[in-house]
N, C-alpha and C. Protein backbone atom coordinates (compact mmCIF):
# COMPACT_ATOMS: atom_id res chain seq x y z
N MET A 1 0.94 -1.14 0.03
CA MET A 1 0.15 0.05 0.04
C MET A 1 0.96 1.38 -0.01
N GLU A 2 0.48 2.40 -0.81
CA GLU A 2 1.32 3.36 -0.38
C GLU A 2 1.02 4.30 0.74
N GLU A 3 2.07 4.97 1.30
CA GLU A 3 1.98 6.02 2.29
C GLU A 3 0.87 6.68 2.70
N ASP A 4 0.35 7.26 1.42
CA ASP A 4 -0.34 8.32 1.75
C ASP A 4 -1.82 7.58 2.02
N LYS A 5 -2.23 6.42 1.31
CA LYS A 5 -3.18 5.81 1.35
C LYS A 5 -3.40 5.10 3.08
N ILE A 6 -2.09 4.71 3.52
CA ILE A 6 -1.99 3.86 5.08
C ILE A 6 -2.28 5.60 5.90
N LYS A 7 -1.43 6.43 5.49
CA LYS A 7 -1.82 7.53 6.51
C LYS A 7 -3.31 8.05 7.10
N ILE A 8 -3.93 8.13 5.35
CA ILE A 8 -5.32 8.30 5.51
C ILE A 8 -6.18 7.16 6.30
N GLU A 9 -5.97 5.94 6.11
CA GLU A 9 -6.65 4.84 6.33
C GLU A 9 -6.10 4.97 8.32
N LEU A 10 -4.91 5.15 8.65
CA LEU A 10 -4.74 5.36 9.82
C LEU A 10 -4.89 6.64 10.74
N SER A 11 -5.37 7.50 10.10
CA SER A 11 -5.51 8.93 10.60
C SER A 11 -7.06 8.73 11.46
N LYS A 12 -7.71 7.88 11.56
CA LYS A 12 -8.82 7.99 12.44
C LYS A 12 -8.61 7.20 13.65
N TYR A 13 -7.21 6.61 13.81
CA TYR A 13 -7.13 6.18 15.25
C TYR A 13 -5.83 6.90 16.15
N ASP A 14 -6.11 6.77 17.20
CA ASP A 14 -5.23 7.89 18.31
C ASP A 14 -4.12 6.90 18.27
N ILE A 15 -2.98 7.63 17.63
CA ILE A 15 -1.49 6.68 17.46
C ILE A 15 -0.81 7.99 17.73
N ASP A 16 0.51 8.18 18.63
CA ASP A 16 1.63 8.79 18.91
C ASP A 16 2.01 9.21 17.28
N ASN A 17 2.39 10.47 17.38
CA ASN A 17 3.22 10.85 15.85
C ASN A 17 4.40 9.80 15.45
N ARG A 18 5.19 9.69 16.55
CA ARG A 18 6.24 8.77 16.40
C ARG A 18 6.20 7.16 16.12
N ILE A 19 5.14 6.68 16.54
CA ILE A 19 4.67 5.35 16.33
C ILE A 19 4.02 5.47 14.91
N LEU A 20 2.99 6.56 14.90
CA LEU A 20 2.65 6.55 13.34
C LEU A 20 3.47 6.24 12.18
N LYS A 21 4.70 7.24 12.23
CA LYS A 21 5.23 7.43 11.23
C LYS A 21 6.10 5.96 11.02
N GLY A 22 6.63 5.22 12.16
CA GLY A 22 7.13 4.11 11.89
C GLY A 22 6.35 3.12 11.15
N MET A 23 4.92 3.14 11.66
CA MET A 23 4.23 2.14 11.50
C MET A 23 3.64 2.34 10.04
N ILE A 24 3.36 3.64 9.49
CA ILE A 24 3.20 4.28 7.65
C ILE A 24 4.29 3.22 7.38
N SER A 25 5.68 3.69 7.58
CA SER A 25 6.93 3.27 7.03
C SER A 25 6.80 1.66 6.71
N LYS A 26 6.41 0.96 7.98
CA LYS A 26 6.93 -0.28 7.74
C LYS A 26 5.75 -1.12 7.16
N LEU A 27 4.28 -0.76 7.32
CA LEU A 27 3.47 -1.28 6.24
C LEU A 27 3.43 -1.01 5.05
N SER A 28 4.18 0.43 4.53
CA SER A 28 4.09 0.56 3.06
C SER A 28 4.96 -0.62 2.58
N GLU A 29 6.25 -1.21 3.44
CA GLU A 29 7.13 -2.21 2.96
C GLU A 29 6.35 -3.72 3.00
N ILE A 30 5.57 -3.48 3.70
CA ILE A 30 4.99 -5.13 3.91
C ILE A 30 3.60 -5.47 3.57
N THR A 31 2.99 -4.48 2.97
CA THR A 31 1.56 -4.75 2.60
C THR A 31 1.29 -4.51 1.01
N HIS A 32 0.29 -5.27 0.56
CA HIS A 32 0.34 -5.29 -1.21
C HIS A 32 -1.06 -3.93 -1.27
N ASP A 33 -0.92 -3.66 -2.93
CA ASP A 33 -1.56 -2.28 -3.22
C ASP A 33 -3.31 -3.04 -2.80
N ASN A 34 -3.50 -3.87 -3.48
CA ASN A 34 -5.07 -4.12 -3.03
C ASN A 34 -5.81 -4.83 -1.83
N GLU A 35 -4.80 -4.29 -1.00
CA GLU A 35 -5.11 -4.63 0.69
C GLU A 35 -5.73 -2.99 1.37
N SER A 36 -6.77 -3.27 2.46
CA SER A 36 -6.80 -1.88 3.05
C SER A 36 -6.98 -2.47 4.43
N ILE A 37 -7.28 -1.19 4.98
CA ILE A 37 -7.04 -1.77 6.88
C ILE A 37 -8.33 -1.70 7.02
N LYS A 38 -8.76 -2.50 7.64
CA LYS A 38 -10.31 -2.62 8.28
C LYS A 38 -10.32 -2.54 9.82
N ALA A 39 -9.54 -2.53 10.61
CA ALA A 39 -9.54 -2.12 11.92
C ALA A 39 -7.82 -2.02 12.35
N MET A 40 -7.80 -1.25 13.56
CA MET A 40 -6.59 -0.99 14.53
C MET A 40 -7.06 -0.96 15.35
N PHE A 41 -6.29 -1.78 16.42
CA PHE A 41 -6.55 -1.34 18.25
C PHE A 41 -4.98 -1.77 18.74
N LYS A 42 -5.11 -1.72 19.80
CA LYS A 42 -3.96 -1.97 20.85
C LYS A 42 -4.36 -3.39 22.03
N THR A 43 -3.34 -3.90 22.10
CA THR A 43 -3.09 -4.76 22.99
C THR A 43 -1.99 -4.53 23.95
N LYS A 44 -1.71 -4.90 25.15
CA LYS A 44 -0.45 -4.38 26.03
C LYS A 44 0.71 -4.67 25.30
N GLY A 45 1.10 -3.10 24.78
CA GLY A 45 2.57 -3.11 24.09
C GLY A 45 2.54 -3.73 22.23
N LEU A 46 1.38 -4.13 21.99
CA LEU A 46 1.66 -4.13 20.58
C LEU A 46 -0.09 -3.69 19.97
N TYR A 47 0.64 -3.49 18.65
CA TYR A 47 -0.63 -2.75 17.82
C TYR A 47 -0.98 -3.99 16.86
N TRP A 48 -2.06 -4.14 16.82
CA TRP A 48 -3.00 -5.02 15.77
C TRP A 48 -3.50 -3.99 14.85
N ILE A 49 -3.11 -4.67 13.11
CA ILE A 49 -3.47 -4.00 12.30
C ILE A 49 -4.24 -5.24 11.51
N LEU A 50 -5.59 -4.99 11.36
CA LEU A 50 -6.50 -5.85 10.54
C LEU A 50 -6.15 -5.82 8.77
N LEU A 51 -6.04 -6.37 8.44
CA LEU A 51 -6.42 -6.00 6.72
C LEU A 51 -7.35 -6.86 6.04
N SER A 52 -7.81 -6.89 5.13
CA SER A 52 -8.46 -7.71 4.01
C SER A 52 -8.21 -9.36 4.36
N LYS A 53 -7.01 -9.58 4.37
CA LYS A 53 -6.74 -11.02 4.39
C LYS A 53 -5.65 -11.57 5.70
N ARG A 54 -5.16 -10.63 6.16
CA ARG A 54 -4.30 -10.81 7.26
C ARG A 54 -4.25 -9.59 8.50
N ILE A 55 -3.79 -10.54 9.15
CA ILE A 55 -3.09 -9.62 10.74
C ILE A 55 -1.89 -9.32 10.74
N PHE A 56 -1.59 -8.12 11.20
CA PHE A 56 -0.22 -7.53 11.51
C PHE A 56 -0.39 -7.72 13.06
N ILE A 57 0.47 -8.34 13.77
CA ILE A 57 0.75 -7.99 15.54
C ILE A 57 2.28 -7.07 15.43
N MET A 58 2.29 -5.76 15.64
CA MET A 58 3.05 -4.88 15.33
C MET A 58 4.09 -4.67 16.50
N ASP A 59 4.99 -4.96 17.59
CA ASP A 59 5.60 -4.34 18.65
C ASP A 59 6.28 -3.14 18.09
N PRO A 60 6.02 -1.87 18.62
CA PRO A 60 6.63 -0.95 18.40
C PRO A 60 8.32 -0.73 18.68
N GLY A 61 8.96 -1.58 19.59
CA GLY A 61 10.31 -1.44 19.96
C GLY A 61 10.17 -0.72 21.05
N PHE A 62 11.83 -0.75 21.74
CA PHE A 62 12.26 -0.30 22.32
C PHE A 62 12.40 1.38 22.31
N ILE A 63 12.49 1.50 21.12
CA ILE A 63 12.73 2.90 20.26
C ILE A 63 11.18 3.21 19.88
N LYS A 64 10.50 3.71 20.31
CA LYS A 64 8.99 3.84 19.45
C LYS A 64 9.22 4.14 18.34
N GLY A 65 8.56 3.10 17.86
CA GLY A 65 8.12 3.28 16.04
C GLY A 65 9.10 2.80 15.26
N THR A 66 10.09 1.81 15.78
CA THR A 66 10.89 0.88 14.61
C THR A 66 10.30 -0.38 14.37
N PHE A 67 9.25 -0.82 15.19
CA PHE A 67 8.58 -2.14 14.89
C PHE A 67 9.47 -2.91 14.02
N SER A 68 10.59 -3.47 14.73
CA SER A 68 11.26 -4.62 14.34
C SER A 68 11.06 -6.00 14.44
N ASP A 69 9.88 -5.98 15.32
CA ASP A 69 9.11 -7.63 15.47
C ASP A 69 7.84 -7.14 14.94
N ILE A 70 7.35 -8.20 13.90
CA ILE A 70 5.97 -7.77 13.12
C ILE A 70 5.83 -9.37 13.02
N GLU A 71 4.46 -10.06 13.44
CA GLU A 71 3.77 -11.30 13.20
C GLU A 71 2.84 -10.98 12.58
N ILE A 72 2.89 -12.05 11.30
CA ILE A 72 1.86 -12.02 10.41
C ILE A 72 1.22 -13.11 10.45
N ILE A 73 -0.19 -12.56 10.17
CA ILE A 73 -1.22 -13.91 10.68
C ILE A 73 -2.29 -14.29 9.60
N ASN A 74 -2.55 -14.63 8.55
CA ASN A 74 -3.40 -15.29 7.55
C ASN A 74 -4.55 -15.12 8.33
N HIS A 75 -5.75 -14.60 7.51
CA HIS A 75 -7.20 -15.07 8.38
C HIS A 75 -7.57 -16.39 8.45
N SER A 76 -6.78 -17.09 7.35
CA SER A 76 -7.01 -18.88 7.44
C SER A 76 -6.36 -19.43 8.36
N GLN A 77 -5.67 -19.24 8.79
CA GLN A 77 -4.58 -19.89 9.84
C GLN A 77 -5.65 -19.98 10.79
N ILE A 78 -6.14 -18.79 11.30
CA ILE A 78 -7.04 -18.79 12.58
C ILE A 78 -8.24 -19.80 12.88
N GLU A 79 -7.83 -20.67 13.90
CA GLU A 79 -8.68 -21.96 14.08
C GLU A 79 -9.95 -21.65 14.89
N ARG A 80 -9.57 -20.40 15.99
CA ARG A 80 -10.75 -19.95 16.56
C ARG A 80 -10.11 -18.48 17.26
N LEU A 81 -11.37 -17.94 17.57
CA LEU A 81 -11.22 -16.39 18.21
C LEU A 81 -12.15 -16.12 18.96
N TYR A 82 -11.71 -15.66 19.97
CA TYR A 82 -13.03 -15.05 21.24
C TYR A 82 -12.51 -13.86 22.18
N TYR A 83 -13.49 -13.46 22.51
CA TYR A 83 -12.97 -12.24 23.26
C TYR A 83 -13.89 -12.49 24.46
N ASN A 84 -13.49 -11.71 25.75
CA ASN A 84 -14.23 -11.77 27.35
C ASN A 84 -14.04 -10.32 27.77
N ILE A 85 -14.95 -9.60 27.93
CA ILE A 85 -15.31 -8.11 28.29
C ILE A 85 -15.63 -8.23 29.95
N ASN A 86 -14.87 -8.00 30.68
CA ASN A 86 -14.72 -7.91 32.37
C ASN A 86 -15.48 -6.55 32.86
N ARG A 87 -16.65 -6.33 33.24
CA ARG A 87 -17.12 -5.02 33.40
C ARG A 87 -16.96 -5.09 35.06
N GLY A 88 -16.27 -3.67 35.35
CA GLY A 88 -15.99 -3.76 36.47
C GLY A 88 -16.56 -2.34 37.27
N PHE A 89 -16.49 -2.06 38.58
CA PHE A 89 -17.08 -0.89 38.97
C PHE A 89 -16.73 0.37 38.54
N PHE A 90 -15.36 0.69 38.85
CA PHE A 90 -14.37 1.57 38.23
C PHE A 90 -13.74 1.61 36.83
N SER A 91 -13.45 0.30 36.30
CA SER A 91 -13.19 0.61 35.14
C SER A 91 -13.51 -1.17 34.53
N ASN A 92 -13.25 -1.23 33.10
CA ASN A 92 -13.42 -2.74 32.18
C ASN A 92 -12.14 -2.96 31.67
N SER A 93 -12.26 -4.37 31.45
CA SER A 93 -11.21 -4.89 30.94
C SER A 93 -11.78 -6.23 29.71
N MET A 94 -10.48 -6.01 28.71
CA MET A 94 -11.11 -7.03 27.94
C MET A 94 -9.79 -7.90 27.49
N GLU A 95 -10.30 -9.25 27.37
CA GLU A 95 -9.08 -10.42 27.17
C GLU A 95 -9.36 -10.67 25.29
N LEU A 96 -8.68 -10.78 24.87
CA LEU A 96 -8.72 -11.43 23.17
C LEU A 96 -7.89 -13.03 23.17
N SER A 97 -8.70 -13.64 22.65
CA SER A 97 -7.84 -15.15 22.57
C SER A 97 -7.97 -15.73 21.31
N ILE A 98 -6.59 -15.88 20.79
CA ILE A 98 -6.50 -16.48 19.41
C ILE A 98 -5.93 -17.50 19.29
N LYS A 99 -6.78 -18.79 18.72
CA LYS A 99 -5.73 -19.98 18.40
C LYS A 99 -5.28 -20.26 16.95
N LEU A 100 -4.24 -20.53 17.14
CA LEU A 100 -3.71 -20.76 15.38
C LEU A 100 -3.43 -22.37 15.78
N PRO A 101 -2.89 -23.20 14.41
CA PRO A 101 -3.10 -24.39 14.29
C PRO A 101 -1.31 -24.89 14.86
N LYS A 102 -1.37 -25.87 15.53
CA LYS A 102 -0.26 -26.43 16.24
C LYS A 102 0.20 -25.52 17.39
N GLU A 103 -0.20 -24.84 17.88
CA GLU A 103 -0.48 -23.86 18.84
C GLU A 103 -1.14 -23.70 20.13
N LYS A 104 -0.65 -23.11 21.21
CA LYS A 104 -1.16 -23.40 22.61
C LYS A 104 -2.19 -21.87 21.77
N THR A 105 -3.60 -21.66 22.78
CA THR A 105 -4.53 -20.70 22.59
C THR A 105 -3.35 -19.42 23.42
N ARG A 106 -3.39 -18.21 22.69
CA ARG A 106 -2.86 -16.91 23.08
C ARG A 106 -3.78 -16.35 23.48
N THR A 107 -3.49 -15.50 24.70
CA THR A 107 -4.26 -14.56 25.37
C THR A 107 -3.51 -13.20 25.50
N TYR A 108 -4.36 -12.10 25.02
CA TYR A 108 -3.93 -10.53 25.12
C TYR A 108 -4.73 -9.96 25.83
N SER A 109 -4.40 -8.84 26.49
CA SER A 109 -5.08 -7.92 27.65
C SER A 109 -5.18 -6.61 26.60
N VAL A 110 -6.49 -6.24 26.15
CA VAL A 110 -6.80 -5.19 25.54
C VAL A 110 -6.87 -4.03 26.40
N SER A 111 -5.82 -3.08 25.57
CA SER A 111 -6.23 -1.62 25.91
C SER A 111 -6.70 -0.80 24.95
N GLY A 112 -7.42 0.19 25.29
CA GLY A 112 -8.06 1.41 24.46
C GLY A 112 -9.37 1.31 24.26
N ASN A 113 -10.12 1.25 23.04
CA ASN A 113 -11.27 1.28 22.37
C ASN A 113 -11.41 -0.34 22.18
N PHE A 114 -12.49 -0.77 23.29
CA PHE A 114 -13.14 -1.84 23.14
C PHE A 114 -13.98 -2.36 21.56
N ASP A 115 -14.76 -1.07 21.43
CA ASP A 115 -15.44 -1.05 20.06
C ASP A 115 -14.45 -1.45 18.86
N GLU A 116 -13.80 -0.71 18.74
CA GLU A 116 -12.56 -1.21 17.51
C GLU A 116 -12.39 -2.60 17.85
N VAL A 117 -12.17 -3.19 18.65
CA VAL A 117 -11.85 -4.39 18.85
C VAL A 117 -12.76 -5.28 18.38
N GLU A 118 -14.30 -5.30 19.04
CA GLU A 118 -15.30 -6.00 18.95
C GLU A 118 -15.65 -6.03 17.36
N LYS A 119 -15.22 -4.75 16.45
CA LYS A 119 -15.44 -4.57 15.29
C LYS A 119 -14.50 -5.62 14.25
N ALA A 120 -13.28 -5.47 14.75
CA ALA A 120 -12.26 -6.14 13.93
C ALA A 120 -12.43 -7.94 14.47
N ILE A 121 -13.25 -8.34 15.70
CA ILE A 121 -13.31 -9.72 15.65
C ILE A 121 -14.84 -9.84 14.70
N ASP A 122 -15.83 -9.17 14.68
CA ASP A 122 -16.31 -9.36 14.17
C ASP A 122 -16.60 -9.51 12.54
N PHE A 123 -15.03 -8.87 12.10
CA PHE A 123 -14.71 -9.02 11.03
C PHE A 123 -14.36 -10.33 10.28
N LEU A 124 -13.47 -10.69 11.09
CA LEU A 124 -12.75 -11.95 11.34
C LEU A 124 -13.53 -13.00 11.45
N LYS A 125 -14.63 -13.06 12.25
CA LYS A 125 -15.47 -14.31 12.52
C LYS A 125 -16.20 -13.92 11.17
N GLU A 126 -16.95 -13.31 10.40
CA GLU A 126 -17.50 -13.00 9.15
C GLU A 126 -16.22 -13.76 8.17
N THR A 127 -15.30 -13.36 8.04
CA THR A 127 -14.42 -14.28 7.16
C THR A 127 -14.48 -15.42 7.32
N MET A 128 -14.10 -16.15 8.63
CA MET A 128 -13.76 -17.50 8.85
C MET A 128 -15.07 -18.06 8.82
N ASP A 129 -16.21 -17.82 8.69
CA ASP A 129 -17.44 -18.41 8.18
C ASP A 129 -17.66 -18.26 7.14
N GLU A 130 -17.14 -17.19 6.36
CA GLU A 130 -17.40 -17.76 4.93
C GLU A 130 -16.32 -18.63 4.09
N ARG A 131 -15.12 -18.85 4.79
CA ARG A 131 -14.26 -19.87 4.31
C ARG A 131 -14.60 -21.34 4.74
N LYS A 132 -15.35 -21.40 5.57
CA LYS A 132 -16.00 -22.66 6.36
C LYS A 132 -17.26 -23.04 5.34
N LEU A 133 -17.92 -21.83 4.94
CA LEU A 133 -19.09 -22.00 3.62
C LEU A 133 -18.74 -22.55 2.66
N LYS A 134 -17.55 -21.86 1.68
CA LYS A 134 -16.67 -22.00 0.69
C LYS A 134 -16.28 -23.72 0.82
N LYS A 135 -15.38 -23.81 1.88
CA LYS A 135 -15.04 -25.44 2.00
C LYS A 135 -16.39 -26.73 2.03
N LYS A 136 -17.16 -26.33 2.86
CA LYS A 136 -18.26 -27.09 2.95
C LYS A 136 -18.79 -27.12 1.57
N HIS A 137 -19.02 -26.14 0.84
CA HIS A 137 -19.27 -26.28 -0.79
C HIS A 137 -18.63 -26.94 -1.72
N ARG A 138 -17.12 -26.98 -1.39
CA ARG A 138 -16.36 -27.41 -2.52
C ARG A 138 -16.67 -29.08 -1.98
N LYS A 139 -16.59 -29.51 -0.52
CA LYS A 139 -16.80 -30.67 -0.35
C LYS A 139 -17.84 -31.23 -1.09
N THR A 140 -19.15 -30.64 -0.98
CA THR A 140 -20.65 -31.03 -1.86
C THR A 140 -20.45 -31.34 -3.36
N LYS A 141 -19.71 -30.15 -3.64
CA LYS A 141 -19.48 -30.24 -5.15
C LYS A 141 -18.64 -31.51 -5.53
N ASP A 142 -17.50 -31.52 -4.54
CA ASP A 142 -16.63 -33.06 -4.97
C ASP A 142 -17.53 -34.27 -4.55
N THR A 143 -18.21 -34.44 -3.61
CA THR A 143 -19.11 -35.40 -3.16
C THR A 143 -19.59 -35.67 -4.87
N THR A 144 -20.61 -34.55 -5.32
CA THR A 144 -21.40 -34.80 -6.38
C THR A 144 -20.92 -35.46 -7.44
N SER A 145 -19.50 -35.01 -8.12
CA SER A 145 -18.77 -35.02 -9.25
C SER A 145 -18.51 -36.67 -9.00
N GLU A 146 -17.99 -37.37 -7.55
CA GLU A 146 -17.39 -38.46 -7.56
C GLU A 146 -18.93 -39.54 -7.72
N LEU A 147 -20.23 -39.23 -7.49
CA LEU A 147 -21.57 -39.75 -7.43
C LEU A 147 -21.63 -40.03 -8.97
N ASN A 148 -21.37 -38.82 -9.70
CA ASN A 148 -21.73 -39.05 -11.23
C ASN A 148 -20.90 -39.88 -11.84
N LYS A 149 -19.63 -39.89 -11.31
CA LYS A 149 -18.41 -41.02 -11.85
C LYS A 149 -18.98 -42.38 -11.77
N LEU A 150 -19.72 -42.79 -10.46
CA LEU A 150 -19.98 -43.85 -9.89
C LEU A 150 -21.04 -44.00 -11.07
N GLU A 151 -22.04 -43.01 -11.36
CA GLU A 151 -23.39 -43.39 -12.39
C GLU A 151 -22.69 -43.77 -13.58
N LYS A 152 -22.04 -43.17 -14.09
CA LYS A 152 -21.28 -43.54 -15.65
C LYS A 152 -20.56 -44.70 -15.55
N MET A 153 -20.13 -45.24 -14.23
CA MET A 153 -19.13 -46.64 -14.24
C MET A 153 -20.70 -47.56 -14.55
N ALA A 154 -21.40 -47.43 -13.77
CA ALA A 154 -22.47 -48.47 -13.51
C ALA A 154 -23.24 -48.13 -15.10
N ASP A 155 -23.33 -47.29 -15.91
CA ASP A 155 -24.19 -47.51 -17.42
C ASP A 155 -22.69 -48.25 -18.09
N LEU A 156 -21.60 -47.91 -17.70
CA LEU A 156 -20.59 -48.99 -18.82
C LEU A 156 -20.76 -50.26 -18.28
N LYS A 157 -20.89 -50.66 -17.17
CA LYS A 157 -21.00 -52.01 -16.61
C LYS A 157 -22.41 -52.43 -17.19
N ASP A 158 -23.36 -51.80 -17.29
CA ASP A 158 -24.55 -52.16 -17.93
C ASP A 158 -24.40 -52.59 -19.40
N LYS A 159 -23.30 -51.76 -19.66
CA LYS A 159 -23.73 -51.91 -21.51
C LYS A 159 -22.62 -52.74 -21.74
N GLY A 160 -22.02 -53.62 -20.87
CA GLY A 160 -20.97 -54.33 -20.90
C GLY A 160 -19.54 -54.21 -21.54
N ILE A 161 -19.19 -52.65 -21.30
CA ILE A 161 -18.03 -52.61 -21.58
C ILE A 161 -17.26 -52.63 -20.69
N ILE A 162 -17.28 -52.50 -19.17
CA ILE A 162 -16.29 -53.32 -18.27
C ILE A 162 -16.87 -54.05 -17.59
N SER A 163 -15.99 -54.97 -17.00
CA SER A 163 -16.76 -56.08 -16.16
C SER A 163 -17.36 -55.69 -14.76
N GLU A 164 -18.07 -56.63 -14.10
CA GLU A 164 -18.69 -56.58 -12.81
C GLU A 164 -17.14 -56.40 -11.87
N GLU A 165 -16.19 -57.12 -12.21
CA GLU A 165 -15.01 -56.89 -11.15
C GLU A 165 -14.51 -55.44 -11.07
N GLU A 166 -14.08 -54.89 -12.66
CA GLU A 166 -13.65 -53.73 -12.91
C GLU A 166 -14.54 -52.48 -12.06
N PHE A 167 -15.77 -52.75 -12.44
CA PHE A 167 -16.83 -51.49 -11.22
C PHE A 167 -16.81 -51.63 -10.10
N GLU A 168 -16.79 -52.71 -9.55
CA GLU A 168 -16.70 -52.91 -8.09
C GLU A 168 -15.47 -52.21 -7.69
N ASN A 169 -14.10 -52.65 -8.15
CA ASN A 169 -13.03 -52.14 -8.33
C ASN A 169 -12.90 -50.59 -8.06
N HIS A 170 -13.55 -49.72 -9.26
CA HIS A 170 -13.93 -48.46 -9.20
C HIS A 170 -14.78 -47.91 -8.14
N LYS A 171 -15.81 -48.42 -8.06
CA LYS A 171 -16.66 -48.33 -6.88
C LYS A 171 -15.98 -48.19 -5.30
N LYS A 172 -15.27 -48.99 -5.00
CA LYS A 172 -14.72 -49.12 -3.71
C LYS A 172 -13.72 -47.98 -3.49
N LYS A 173 -12.81 -47.38 -4.70
CA LYS A 173 -11.84 -46.46 -4.98
C LYS A 173 -12.66 -45.28 -4.70
N LEU A 174 -13.82 -45.06 -5.22
CA LEU A 174 -14.70 -44.05 -5.12
C LEU A 174 -15.43 -43.62 -3.84
N LEU A 175 -15.85 -44.67 -3.28
CA LEU A 175 -16.34 -44.86 -1.86
C LEU A 175 -15.51 -44.16 -0.84
N LYS A 176 -14.02 -44.56 -1.16
CA LYS A 176 -12.88 -44.45 0.04
C LYS A 176 -12.64 -42.99 -0.21
N LYS A 177 -13.02 -42.29 -1.47
CA LYS A 177 -12.64 -40.79 -1.69
C LYS A 177 -13.64 -40.43 -0.82
N LEU A 178 -15.06 -40.34 -0.50
CA LEU A 178 -16.03 -39.99 -0.11
C LEU A 178 -15.78 -40.23 1.69
């Protein structure tokens, strides 16, 4: 993404100027032109930038704004995501938990605007649901094509083109795929 576009998208968030400059510089290096920032929020010491297909978890570093440590998570990697808001008498707190493949669940304490975090989580859950639907649709489509193959093989057997034994072998192979 171009620096000007990043600056415009991040201008709606309350970020220290030194950190903002470093963030714009890093994001212009590691983002693609077709991406856009969906949300940004802060957990203790870390900035979360939610893009259309990826999340950047950025550590501003000891010298604020250097962002030497950046973790990139593709939305497709997220197995589970949830949050918990604890409403207290004097203050509220929020914990965000994320589960990635072959890792323990990581929990982060959120500081700042909870609305932005909830918006980000809703967007992520929506993309995760879409991914599950696509996967389910693809599986249904594959099953249908396998059943069509089985029907064609049965027709070939009925016409005498293939033997009963060949048909049974093909049938076993196709059923194993399902």
